[in-house]
N, C-alpha and C. Protein backbone atom coordinates (compact mmCIF):
# COMPACT_ATOMS: atom_id res chain seq x y z
N MET A 1 -20.13 71.09 109.55
CA MET A 1 -20.68 71.96 108.50
C MET A 1 -19.56 72.48 107.61
N LYS A 2 -19.79 72.44 106.30
CA LYS A 2 -18.76 72.87 105.35
C LYS A 2 -18.58 74.38 105.38
N ASN A 3 -17.33 74.80 105.13
CA ASN A 3 -17.10 76.22 104.86
C ASN A 3 -17.67 76.52 103.49
N MET A 4 -18.01 77.78 103.25
CA MET A 4 -18.61 78.13 101.98
C MET A 4 -17.69 77.87 100.79
N ASP A 5 -16.37 77.98 101.02
CA ASP A 5 -15.45 77.74 99.91
C ASP A 5 -15.30 76.26 99.59
N GLU A 6 -15.85 75.39 100.45
CA GLU A 6 -15.82 73.95 100.21
C GLU A 6 -17.13 73.45 99.59
N CYS A 7 -18.13 74.29 99.58
CA CYS A 7 -19.44 73.90 99.07
C CYS A 7 -19.45 73.85 97.54
N ASN A 8 -20.21 72.90 96.99
CA ASN A 8 -20.43 72.95 95.55
C ASN A 8 -21.47 74.03 95.27
N TYR A 9 -21.74 74.30 94.00
CA TYR A 9 -22.60 75.42 93.65
C TYR A 9 -24.03 75.26 94.19
N TYR A 10 -24.52 74.02 94.24
CA TYR A 10 -25.86 73.78 94.76
C TYR A 10 -25.89 74.08 96.26
N GLU A 11 -24.89 73.59 96.97
CA GLU A 11 -24.81 73.82 98.41
C GLU A 11 -24.63 75.31 98.71
N LEU A 12 -23.86 75.98 97.89
CA LEU A 12 -23.59 77.40 98.10
C LEU A 12 -24.87 78.22 98.05
N LEU A 13 -25.74 77.90 97.10
CA LEU A 13 -27.00 78.63 96.96
C LEU A 13 -28.14 77.99 97.74
N GLU A 14 -27.83 76.89 98.45
CA GLU A 14 -28.82 76.15 99.23
C GLU A 14 -30.02 75.72 98.39
N VAL A 15 -29.72 75.10 97.24
CA VAL A 15 -30.75 74.53 96.38
C VAL A 15 -30.39 73.07 96.13
N SER A 16 -31.34 72.32 95.60
CA SER A 16 -31.08 70.91 95.30
C SER A 16 -30.75 70.75 93.82
N GLU A 17 -30.38 69.54 93.45
CA GLU A 17 -30.06 69.26 92.05
C GLU A 17 -31.28 69.36 91.15
N GLU A 18 -32.46 69.26 91.73
CA GLU A 18 -33.68 69.31 90.92
C GLU A 18 -34.25 70.73 90.81
N THR A 19 -33.67 71.65 91.51
CA THR A 19 -34.23 73.00 91.60
C THR A 19 -34.34 73.67 90.23
N PRO A 20 -35.53 74.19 89.89
CA PRO A 20 -35.68 74.90 88.61
C PRO A 20 -35.01 76.28 88.65
N LYS A 21 -34.83 76.85 87.49
CA LYS A 21 -34.10 78.12 87.37
C LYS A 21 -34.75 79.27 88.13
N SER A 22 -36.07 79.29 88.19
CA SER A 22 -36.75 80.39 88.87
C SER A 22 -36.39 80.44 90.36
N ILE A 23 -36.23 79.27 90.96
CA ILE A 23 -35.88 79.21 92.39
C ILE A 23 -34.40 79.52 92.58
N ILE A 24 -33.56 79.07 91.64
CA ILE A 24 -32.13 79.40 91.69
C ILE A 24 -31.97 80.91 91.63
N GLN A 25 -32.76 81.55 90.79
CA GLN A 25 -32.69 83.01 90.65
C GLN A 25 -33.07 83.69 91.97
N GLU A 26 -34.11 83.19 92.63
CA GLU A 26 -34.52 83.75 93.92
C GLU A 26 -33.41 83.60 94.96
N ALA A 27 -32.79 82.39 94.99
CA ALA A 27 -31.72 82.13 95.95
C ALA A 27 -30.54 83.06 95.70
N TYR A 28 -30.22 83.24 94.44
CA TYR A 28 -29.10 84.11 94.06
C TYR A 28 -29.35 85.55 94.54
N HIS A 29 -30.53 86.07 94.29
CA HIS A 29 -30.85 87.45 94.70
C HIS A 29 -30.86 87.59 96.22
N SER A 30 -31.32 86.54 96.91
CA SER A 30 -31.31 86.58 98.38
C SER A 30 -29.89 86.69 98.92
N TYR A 31 -28.97 85.90 98.33
CA TYR A 31 -27.59 85.93 98.80
C TYR A 31 -26.87 87.22 98.40
N ARG A 32 -27.20 87.74 97.22
CA ARG A 32 -26.61 89.02 96.83
C ARG A 32 -27.00 90.11 97.83
N THR A 33 -28.25 90.07 98.26
CA THR A 33 -28.73 91.05 99.24
C THR A 33 -28.08 90.81 100.60
N LEU A 34 -27.98 89.54 100.99
CA LEU A 34 -27.41 89.20 102.29
C LEU A 34 -25.96 89.67 102.42
N PHE A 35 -25.19 89.54 101.33
CA PHE A 35 -23.78 89.90 101.38
C PHE A 35 -23.47 91.24 100.70
N ASP A 36 -24.50 92.05 100.56
CA ASP A 36 -24.29 93.41 100.06
C ASP A 36 -23.39 94.16 101.05
N LYS A 37 -22.62 95.09 100.57
CA LYS A 37 -21.66 95.79 101.44
C LYS A 37 -22.33 96.56 102.57
N ASP A 38 -23.62 96.87 102.43
CA ASP A 38 -24.32 97.62 103.48
C ASP A 38 -25.09 96.72 104.45
N SER A 39 -25.04 95.39 104.24
CA SER A 39 -25.81 94.50 105.10
C SER A 39 -25.11 94.32 106.45
N ILE A 40 -25.88 93.92 107.45
CA ILE A 40 -25.35 93.71 108.79
C ILE A 40 -24.32 92.58 108.78
N VAL A 41 -24.58 91.53 108.00
CA VAL A 41 -23.66 90.39 107.93
C VAL A 41 -22.30 90.85 107.43
N SER A 42 -22.30 91.59 106.34
CA SER A 42 -21.05 92.06 105.76
C SER A 42 -20.31 93.00 106.70
N TYR A 43 -21.07 93.84 107.38
CA TYR A 43 -20.46 94.86 108.25
C TYR A 43 -19.84 94.24 109.50
N ASN A 44 -20.53 93.22 110.07
CA ASN A 44 -20.11 92.69 111.37
C ASN A 44 -19.32 91.39 111.34
N PHE A 45 -19.52 90.55 110.34
CA PHE A 45 -19.01 89.19 110.44
C PHE A 45 -17.93 88.80 109.45
N ILE A 46 -17.82 89.47 108.34
CA ILE A 46 -16.80 89.09 107.36
C ILE A 46 -16.05 90.32 106.87
N SER A 47 -14.81 90.07 106.42
CA SER A 47 -14.00 91.18 105.91
C SER A 47 -14.43 91.53 104.49
N GLU A 48 -13.98 92.67 104.02
CA GLU A 48 -14.31 93.10 102.65
C GLU A 48 -13.78 92.10 101.64
N HIS A 49 -12.57 91.60 101.88
CA HIS A 49 -11.96 90.61 100.98
C HIS A 49 -12.79 89.32 100.93
N GLU A 50 -13.21 88.84 102.10
CA GLU A 50 -14.03 87.63 102.18
C GLU A 50 -15.37 87.84 101.47
N ARG A 51 -15.94 89.02 101.66
CA ARG A 51 -17.23 89.34 101.03
C ARG A 51 -17.11 89.31 99.52
N GLU A 52 -16.04 89.92 98.99
CA GLU A 52 -15.83 89.94 97.53
C GLU A 52 -15.63 88.53 96.98
N GLU A 53 -14.86 87.72 97.68
CA GLU A 53 -14.61 86.35 97.24
C GLU A 53 -15.91 85.54 97.24
N LEU A 54 -16.70 85.73 98.28
CA LEU A 54 -17.96 85.01 98.39
C LEU A 54 -18.93 85.43 97.30
N LEU A 55 -19.02 86.72 97.04
CA LEU A 55 -19.90 87.20 95.98
C LEU A 55 -19.46 86.69 94.61
N ASN A 56 -18.15 86.58 94.39
CA ASN A 56 -17.64 86.02 93.13
C ASN A 56 -18.06 84.57 92.97
N ARG A 57 -17.98 83.80 94.07
CA ARG A 57 -18.39 82.39 94.02
C ARG A 57 -19.89 82.28 93.76
N ILE A 58 -20.67 83.14 94.41
CA ILE A 58 -22.12 83.13 94.21
C ILE A 58 -22.46 83.49 92.77
N GLU A 59 -21.74 84.46 92.23
CA GLU A 59 -21.95 84.87 90.83
C GLU A 59 -21.64 83.71 89.88
N ASN A 60 -20.51 83.04 90.11
CA ASN A 60 -20.12 81.90 89.28
C ASN A 60 -21.14 80.76 89.38
N ALA A 61 -21.62 80.52 90.61
CA ALA A 61 -22.61 79.47 90.81
C ALA A 61 -23.88 79.79 90.03
N TYR A 62 -24.32 81.03 90.13
CA TYR A 62 -25.54 81.46 89.44
C TYR A 62 -25.41 81.33 87.92
N GLU A 63 -24.32 81.83 87.39
CA GLU A 63 -24.11 81.78 85.94
C GLU A 63 -24.04 80.34 85.44
N THR A 64 -23.43 79.47 86.21
CA THR A 64 -23.31 78.07 85.82
C THR A 64 -24.65 77.36 85.87
N LEU A 65 -25.39 77.52 86.96
CA LEU A 65 -26.64 76.78 87.13
C LEU A 65 -27.78 77.32 86.29
N MET A 66 -27.65 78.54 85.80
CA MET A 66 -28.69 79.12 84.94
C MET A 66 -28.49 78.80 83.46
N ASP A 67 -27.30 78.32 83.11
CA ASP A 67 -26.99 77.97 81.72
C ASP A 67 -27.03 76.45 81.60
N ASP A 68 -27.93 75.92 80.75
CA ASP A 68 -28.12 74.47 80.66
C ASP A 68 -26.83 73.72 80.37
N GLN A 69 -26.07 74.17 79.37
CA GLN A 69 -24.86 73.44 79.01
C GLN A 69 -23.79 73.53 80.10
N LYS A 70 -23.65 74.72 80.68
CA LYS A 70 -22.68 74.86 81.79
C LYS A 70 -23.08 73.99 82.98
N ARG A 71 -24.38 73.92 83.22
CA ARG A 71 -24.87 73.11 84.35
C ARG A 71 -24.63 71.63 84.09
N ILE A 72 -24.85 71.18 82.86
CA ILE A 72 -24.58 69.79 82.51
C ILE A 72 -23.10 69.48 82.70
N ASP A 73 -22.24 70.35 82.20
CA ASP A 73 -20.79 70.15 82.33
C ASP A 73 -20.37 70.14 83.80
N TYR A 74 -20.94 71.04 84.58
CA TYR A 74 -20.60 71.13 85.99
C TYR A 74 -21.04 69.86 86.73
N ASP A 75 -22.26 69.40 86.45
CA ASP A 75 -22.77 68.19 87.11
C ASP A 75 -21.91 66.98 86.78
N LYS A 76 -21.47 66.89 85.54
CA LYS A 76 -20.61 65.77 85.14
C LYS A 76 -19.28 65.84 85.89
N LYS A 77 -18.76 67.04 86.05
CA LYS A 77 -17.48 67.23 86.73
C LYS A 77 -17.58 66.92 88.23
N VAL A 78 -18.66 67.38 88.86
CA VAL A 78 -18.80 67.23 90.32
C VAL A 78 -19.40 65.89 90.71
N PHE A 79 -20.42 65.44 89.98
CA PHE A 79 -21.14 64.23 90.37
C PHE A 79 -20.89 63.04 89.43
N ASN A 80 -20.13 63.27 88.35
CA ASN A 80 -19.89 62.23 87.33
C ASN A 80 -21.18 61.77 86.66
N ARG A 81 -22.13 62.66 86.56
CA ARG A 81 -23.40 62.37 85.89
C ARG A 81 -24.13 63.68 85.63
N ILE A 82 -25.16 63.60 84.79
CA ILE A 82 -26.00 64.78 84.58
C ILE A 82 -26.96 64.86 85.76
N GLY A 83 -27.15 66.05 86.28
CA GLY A 83 -28.00 66.23 87.46
C GLY A 83 -29.45 65.87 87.21
N ARG A 84 -30.18 65.61 88.32
CA ARG A 84 -31.58 65.21 88.22
C ARG A 84 -32.45 66.29 87.60
N TRP A 85 -32.03 67.54 87.68
CA TRP A 85 -32.81 68.64 87.10
C TRP A 85 -33.02 68.43 85.61
N TYR A 86 -32.02 67.86 84.94
CA TYR A 86 -32.07 67.68 83.49
C TYR A 86 -33.20 66.73 83.11
N HIS A 87 -33.32 65.63 83.85
CA HIS A 87 -34.36 64.65 83.57
C HIS A 87 -35.74 65.20 83.92
N SER A 88 -35.80 65.98 85.00
CA SER A 88 -37.07 66.60 85.38
C SER A 88 -37.53 67.58 84.31
N ALA A 89 -36.57 68.34 83.78
CA ALA A 89 -36.90 69.31 82.73
C ALA A 89 -37.38 68.61 81.48
N ALA A 90 -36.77 67.49 81.17
CA ALA A 90 -37.13 66.74 79.96
C ALA A 90 -38.56 66.19 80.08
N GLU A 91 -38.96 65.83 81.29
CA GLU A 91 -40.30 65.28 81.50
C GLU A 91 -41.34 66.37 81.69
N GLY A 92 -40.90 67.60 81.89
CA GLY A 92 -41.80 68.70 82.22
C GLY A 92 -41.76 68.89 83.71
N SER A 93 -41.01 69.84 84.18
CA SER A 93 -40.78 70.01 85.61
C SER A 93 -42.05 70.39 86.34
N MET A 94 -42.07 70.11 87.63
CA MET A 94 -43.22 70.44 88.46
C MET A 94 -43.47 71.93 88.45
N GLN A 95 -42.41 72.71 88.43
CA GLN A 95 -42.55 74.17 88.43
C GLN A 95 -43.32 74.63 87.20
N GLU A 96 -42.96 74.09 86.02
CA GLU A 96 -43.65 74.47 84.78
C GLU A 96 -45.09 74.01 84.81
N LYS A 97 -45.31 72.80 85.34
CA LYS A 97 -46.64 72.23 85.36
C LYS A 97 -47.62 73.10 86.13
N TYR A 98 -47.19 73.59 87.29
CA TYR A 98 -48.11 74.32 88.13
C TYR A 98 -48.11 75.82 87.89
N CYS A 99 -47.25 76.29 87.04
CA CYS A 99 -47.29 77.69 86.63
C CYS A 99 -47.77 77.80 85.19
N SER A 100 -48.25 76.68 84.66
CA SER A 100 -48.60 76.66 83.24
C SER A 100 -49.77 77.57 82.90
N ALA A 101 -50.64 77.86 83.88
CA ALA A 101 -51.76 78.77 83.60
C ALA A 101 -51.26 80.14 83.20
N LYS A 102 -50.12 80.54 83.75
CA LYS A 102 -49.57 81.85 83.44
C LYS A 102 -48.79 81.83 82.13
N THR A 103 -48.16 80.68 81.83
CA THR A 103 -47.30 80.65 80.66
C THR A 103 -47.98 80.12 79.41
N HIS A 104 -48.94 79.19 79.62
CA HIS A 104 -49.60 78.60 78.46
C HIS A 104 -51.08 79.00 78.37
N GLY A 105 -51.78 78.84 79.51
CA GLY A 105 -53.15 79.32 79.63
C GLY A 105 -54.18 78.61 78.79
N LYS A 106 -53.90 77.41 78.27
CA LYS A 106 -54.89 76.72 77.44
C LYS A 106 -55.54 75.60 78.25
N GLY A 107 -56.70 75.87 78.78
CA GLY A 107 -57.44 74.85 79.50
C GLY A 107 -56.79 74.42 80.81
N THR A 108 -55.94 75.22 81.37
CA THR A 108 -55.27 74.87 82.61
C THR A 108 -55.70 75.83 83.70
N GLU A 109 -56.13 75.26 84.83
CA GLU A 109 -56.54 76.12 85.94
C GLU A 109 -55.32 76.53 86.74
N GLU A 110 -55.29 77.77 87.11
CA GLU A 110 -54.21 78.26 87.97
C GLU A 110 -54.54 77.90 89.41
N VAL A 111 -53.56 77.34 90.10
CA VAL A 111 -53.74 76.99 91.50
C VAL A 111 -53.54 78.24 92.34
N ARG A 112 -54.53 78.56 93.19
CA ARG A 112 -54.45 79.76 94.01
C ARG A 112 -54.60 79.36 95.47
N CYS A 113 -53.81 79.98 96.32
CA CYS A 113 -53.89 79.71 97.76
C CYS A 113 -55.30 79.96 98.29
N GLU A 114 -55.93 81.01 97.77
CA GLU A 114 -57.25 81.43 98.26
C GLU A 114 -58.30 80.32 98.15
N ASP A 115 -58.12 79.42 97.19
CA ASP A 115 -59.10 78.36 96.96
C ASP A 115 -59.06 77.27 98.03
N PHE A 116 -58.06 77.32 98.92
CA PHE A 116 -57.90 76.26 99.91
C PHE A 116 -57.96 76.78 101.34
N ILE A 117 -58.57 77.96 101.50
CA ILE A 117 -58.78 78.54 102.84
C ILE A 117 -59.98 77.86 103.48
N GLU A 118 -59.81 77.39 104.71
CA GLU A 118 -60.88 76.69 105.41
C GLU A 118 -61.68 77.65 106.28
N GLU A 119 -62.67 77.12 107.00
CA GLU A 119 -63.55 77.95 107.81
C GLU A 119 -62.81 78.73 108.89
N ASN A 120 -61.70 78.17 109.36
CA ASN A 120 -60.92 78.87 110.39
C ASN A 120 -60.07 80.01 109.83
N GLY A 121 -60.17 80.21 108.51
CA GLY A 121 -59.45 81.30 107.86
C GLY A 121 -58.02 80.97 107.49
N ARG A 122 -57.63 79.71 107.66
CA ARG A 122 -56.27 79.30 107.35
C ARG A 122 -56.26 78.29 106.22
N ILE A 123 -55.16 78.26 105.50
CA ILE A 123 -55.05 77.39 104.34
C ILE A 123 -54.84 75.94 104.75
N SER A 124 -55.39 75.03 103.96
CA SER A 124 -55.13 73.61 104.13
C SER A 124 -54.01 73.24 103.16
N LEU A 125 -52.79 73.11 103.69
CA LEU A 125 -51.66 72.76 102.83
C LEU A 125 -51.84 71.40 102.18
N LYS A 126 -52.42 70.48 102.95
CA LYS A 126 -52.60 69.13 102.43
C LYS A 126 -53.51 69.12 101.21
N LYS A 127 -54.66 69.81 101.31
CA LYS A 127 -55.59 69.86 100.18
C LYS A 127 -54.97 70.56 98.97
N LEU A 128 -54.21 71.62 99.25
CA LEU A 128 -53.52 72.34 98.18
C LEU A 128 -52.55 71.42 97.46
N ARG A 129 -51.71 70.74 98.24
CA ARG A 129 -50.70 69.83 97.67
C ARG A 129 -51.37 68.69 96.90
N GLU A 130 -52.40 68.09 97.51
CA GLU A 130 -53.06 66.96 96.87
C GLU A 130 -53.77 67.36 95.59
N SER A 131 -54.25 68.60 95.52
CA SER A 131 -54.90 69.08 94.29
C SER A 131 -53.92 69.12 93.13
N MET A 132 -52.63 69.23 93.47
CA MET A 132 -51.58 69.26 92.45
C MET A 132 -51.04 67.87 92.14
N GLY A 133 -51.49 66.89 92.92
CA GLY A 133 -51.02 65.53 92.70
C GLY A 133 -49.58 65.32 93.13
N VAL A 134 -49.15 66.05 94.16
CA VAL A 134 -47.77 65.98 94.63
C VAL A 134 -47.71 65.29 95.99
N THR A 135 -46.79 64.37 96.15
CA THR A 135 -46.64 63.66 97.42
C THR A 135 -45.70 64.40 98.36
N LEU A 136 -45.81 64.10 99.65
CA LEU A 136 -44.89 64.67 100.63
C LEU A 136 -43.46 64.22 100.35
N GLU A 137 -43.33 62.98 99.85
CA GLU A 137 -42.01 62.46 99.53
C GLU A 137 -41.34 63.28 98.43
N LYS A 138 -42.13 63.71 97.46
CA LYS A 138 -41.60 64.54 96.37
C LYS A 138 -41.14 65.89 96.90
N ILE A 139 -41.95 66.50 97.76
CA ILE A 139 -41.58 67.79 98.34
C ILE A 139 -40.34 67.63 99.21
N SER A 140 -40.27 66.54 99.95
CA SER A 140 -39.11 66.27 100.80
C SER A 140 -37.84 66.15 99.96
N MET A 141 -37.96 65.48 98.82
CA MET A 141 -36.81 65.28 97.95
C MET A 141 -36.31 66.62 97.40
N ILE A 142 -37.22 67.52 97.09
CA ILE A 142 -36.86 68.82 96.53
C ILE A 142 -36.32 69.76 97.61
N THR A 143 -37.00 69.79 98.75
CA THR A 143 -36.67 70.77 99.78
C THR A 143 -35.63 70.29 100.79
N LYS A 144 -35.44 68.95 100.86
CA LYS A 144 -34.54 68.35 101.87
C LYS A 144 -35.11 68.47 103.28
N ILE A 145 -36.41 68.72 103.39
CA ILE A 145 -37.08 68.73 104.69
C ILE A 145 -37.67 67.34 104.90
N ARG A 146 -37.45 66.75 106.07
CA ARG A 146 -37.93 65.41 106.34
C ARG A 146 -39.47 65.34 106.29
N VAL A 147 -39.98 64.18 105.83
CA VAL A 147 -41.42 63.98 105.68
C VAL A 147 -42.17 64.22 107.00
N PRO A 148 -41.70 63.71 108.16
CA PRO A 148 -42.44 63.98 109.40
C PRO A 148 -42.58 65.47 109.71
N MET A 149 -41.57 66.25 109.36
CA MET A 149 -41.65 67.69 109.60
C MET A 149 -42.65 68.33 108.64
N LEU A 150 -42.67 67.87 107.39
CA LEU A 150 -43.65 68.38 106.42
C LEU A 150 -45.06 68.03 106.86
N LEU A 151 -45.22 66.84 107.39
CA LEU A 151 -46.53 66.41 107.89
C LEU A 151 -46.97 67.28 109.06
N ALA A 152 -46.04 67.57 109.98
CA ALA A 152 -46.33 68.46 111.10
C ALA A 152 -46.71 69.85 110.61
N LEU A 153 -46.04 70.30 109.55
CA LEU A 153 -46.34 71.61 108.96
C LEU A 153 -47.76 71.64 108.42
N GLU A 154 -48.13 70.59 107.68
CA GLU A 154 -49.48 70.53 107.12
C GLU A 154 -50.55 70.43 108.21
N GLU A 155 -50.23 69.72 109.29
CA GLU A 155 -51.21 69.52 110.36
C GLU A 155 -51.15 70.62 111.43
N ARG A 156 -50.20 71.57 111.26
CA ARG A 156 -50.00 72.65 112.21
C ARG A 156 -49.80 72.09 113.62
N ASP A 157 -48.98 71.07 113.70
CA ASP A 157 -48.71 70.37 114.95
C ASP A 157 -47.72 71.18 115.78
N SER A 158 -48.23 71.96 116.74
CA SER A 158 -47.39 72.87 117.52
C SER A 158 -46.40 72.15 118.41
N VAL A 159 -46.65 70.87 118.71
CA VAL A 159 -45.72 70.11 119.53
C VAL A 159 -44.47 69.73 118.74
N LYS A 160 -44.66 69.38 117.49
CA LYS A 160 -43.54 68.90 116.67
C LYS A 160 -42.85 70.01 115.88
N LEU A 161 -43.54 71.12 115.68
CA LEU A 161 -42.94 72.20 114.89
C LEU A 161 -41.96 73.02 115.73
N PRO A 162 -40.90 73.52 115.09
CA PRO A 162 -39.94 74.37 115.80
C PRO A 162 -40.48 75.80 115.94
N SER A 163 -39.62 76.73 116.29
CA SER A 163 -40.03 78.12 116.46
C SER A 163 -40.47 78.73 115.13
N ALA A 164 -41.15 79.86 115.25
CA ALA A 164 -41.79 80.50 114.08
C ALA A 164 -40.82 80.81 112.95
N VAL A 165 -39.60 81.21 113.29
CA VAL A 165 -38.66 81.58 112.23
C VAL A 165 -38.33 80.38 111.34
N TYR A 166 -38.27 79.18 111.94
CA TYR A 166 -38.01 77.98 111.16
C TYR A 166 -39.24 77.56 110.35
N VAL A 167 -40.40 77.71 110.97
CA VAL A 167 -41.64 77.39 110.27
C VAL A 167 -41.77 78.25 109.01
N LYS A 168 -41.42 79.51 109.13
CA LYS A 168 -41.49 80.41 107.98
C LYS A 168 -40.55 79.93 106.87
N GLY A 169 -39.36 79.50 107.25
CA GLY A 169 -38.41 78.97 106.26
C GLY A 169 -38.93 77.72 105.59
N TYR A 170 -39.55 76.83 106.37
CA TYR A 170 -40.14 75.61 105.81
C TYR A 170 -41.25 75.95 104.82
N LEU A 171 -42.08 76.93 105.21
CA LEU A 171 -43.19 77.33 104.33
C LEU A 171 -42.68 77.90 103.01
N LYS A 172 -41.59 78.66 103.07
CA LYS A 172 -41.02 79.21 101.84
C LYS A 172 -40.55 78.08 100.92
N SER A 173 -39.86 77.11 101.49
CA SER A 173 -39.37 75.98 100.70
C SER A 173 -40.53 75.17 100.14
N TYR A 174 -41.55 74.96 100.96
CA TYR A 174 -42.75 74.22 100.56
C TYR A 174 -43.42 74.91 99.37
N ALA A 175 -43.58 76.22 99.50
CA ALA A 175 -44.23 77.00 98.42
C ALA A 175 -43.42 76.92 97.13
N ARG A 176 -42.11 77.10 97.24
CA ARG A 176 -41.27 77.07 96.04
C ARG A 176 -41.31 75.72 95.36
N ALA A 177 -41.36 74.66 96.15
CA ALA A 177 -41.42 73.31 95.57
C ALA A 177 -42.69 73.11 94.74
N LEU A 178 -43.75 73.83 95.12
CA LEU A 178 -45.02 73.73 94.39
C LEU A 178 -45.18 74.84 93.34
N GLY A 179 -44.19 75.70 93.23
CA GLY A 179 -44.27 76.78 92.25
C GLY A 179 -45.21 77.90 92.65
N LEU A 180 -45.39 78.07 93.96
CA LEU A 180 -46.30 79.11 94.47
C LEU A 180 -45.52 80.27 95.07
N ASP A 181 -46.20 81.38 95.24
CA ASP A 181 -45.58 82.56 95.85
C ASP A 181 -45.40 82.32 97.34
N PRO A 182 -44.14 82.27 97.83
CA PRO A 182 -43.90 81.99 99.25
C PRO A 182 -44.60 82.94 100.20
N GLU A 183 -44.58 84.23 99.90
CA GLU A 183 -45.18 85.21 100.81
C GLU A 183 -46.69 85.03 100.91
N LYS A 184 -47.33 84.70 99.78
CA LYS A 184 -48.78 84.49 99.80
C LYS A 184 -49.13 83.25 100.61
N LEU A 185 -48.30 82.22 100.49
CA LEU A 185 -48.56 80.99 101.23
C LEU A 185 -48.37 81.23 102.73
N ILE A 186 -47.34 81.96 103.11
CA ILE A 186 -47.10 82.28 104.52
C ILE A 186 -48.26 83.07 105.09
N GLN A 187 -48.75 84.03 104.32
CA GLN A 187 -49.89 84.85 104.76
C GLN A 187 -51.13 83.98 104.94
N ALA A 188 -51.36 83.07 104.00
CA ALA A 188 -52.53 82.19 104.07
C ALA A 188 -52.43 81.18 105.20
N TYR A 189 -51.20 80.83 105.58
CA TYR A 189 -50.98 79.85 106.65
C TYR A 189 -51.42 80.41 108.00
N GLY A 190 -51.31 81.72 108.16
CA GLY A 190 -51.76 82.33 109.39
C GLY A 190 -50.62 82.57 110.37
N PRO A 191 -50.98 82.87 111.64
CA PRO A 191 -49.98 83.20 112.66
C PRO A 191 -48.89 82.14 112.76
N LEU A 192 -47.64 82.60 112.85
CA LEU A 192 -46.51 81.68 112.92
C LEU A 192 -46.04 81.43 114.34
N SER A 193 -46.62 82.12 115.30
CA SER A 193 -46.20 81.94 116.69
C SER A 193 -46.85 80.68 117.27
N LEU A 194 -46.42 79.53 116.70
CA LEU A 194 -47.03 78.27 117.08
C LEU A 194 -46.52 77.76 118.42
N ARG A 195 -45.26 78.07 118.72
CA ARG A 195 -44.70 77.73 120.02
C ARG A 195 -43.63 78.74 120.34
N ARG A 196 -43.24 78.85 121.55
CA ARG A 196 -42.25 79.83 121.94
C ARG A 196 -40.87 79.46 121.41
N SER A 197 -40.11 80.48 120.96
CA SER A 197 -38.78 80.26 120.45
C SER A 197 -37.86 79.85 121.58
């Protein structure tokens, strides 16, 4: 596993090259909170100097990835090409497509978790995803979660799924890939104690 000072900006914020700005912003705020001077991590595991250096790197990563031209220049420098996010944006990113009811509102239905709750009171992730015309392979590419694990998540396969804390993380990534509110999706998914930790 790489040290944080060896990570590129995408790795540092734990996002992919295709990640839209809204998700980058969420990742940035999560890390700012995690490494706040009053957090348990900062207090117990890293020195003040290390914390300041890390926050500076996170700040630089955020500023670069949120600015189109800086991001293009950075991708060329690190990968010798323009990142996949640029081409996705040019075609109309998935994030924009599924949030378009809020931003454009012309003849576009907003996708709501509530519309996919089944008789057992839990959401059908598969029906939700398929209603958006998104494949598991696409979600896997965005989230870096393997397709069999995504399939287990959709099928609520307690044998194949890890402990609840990991399931919650997978659900957050799944929701973000579809442009949905992670907390609402987790709530709709139901109890996370699928197997013992």
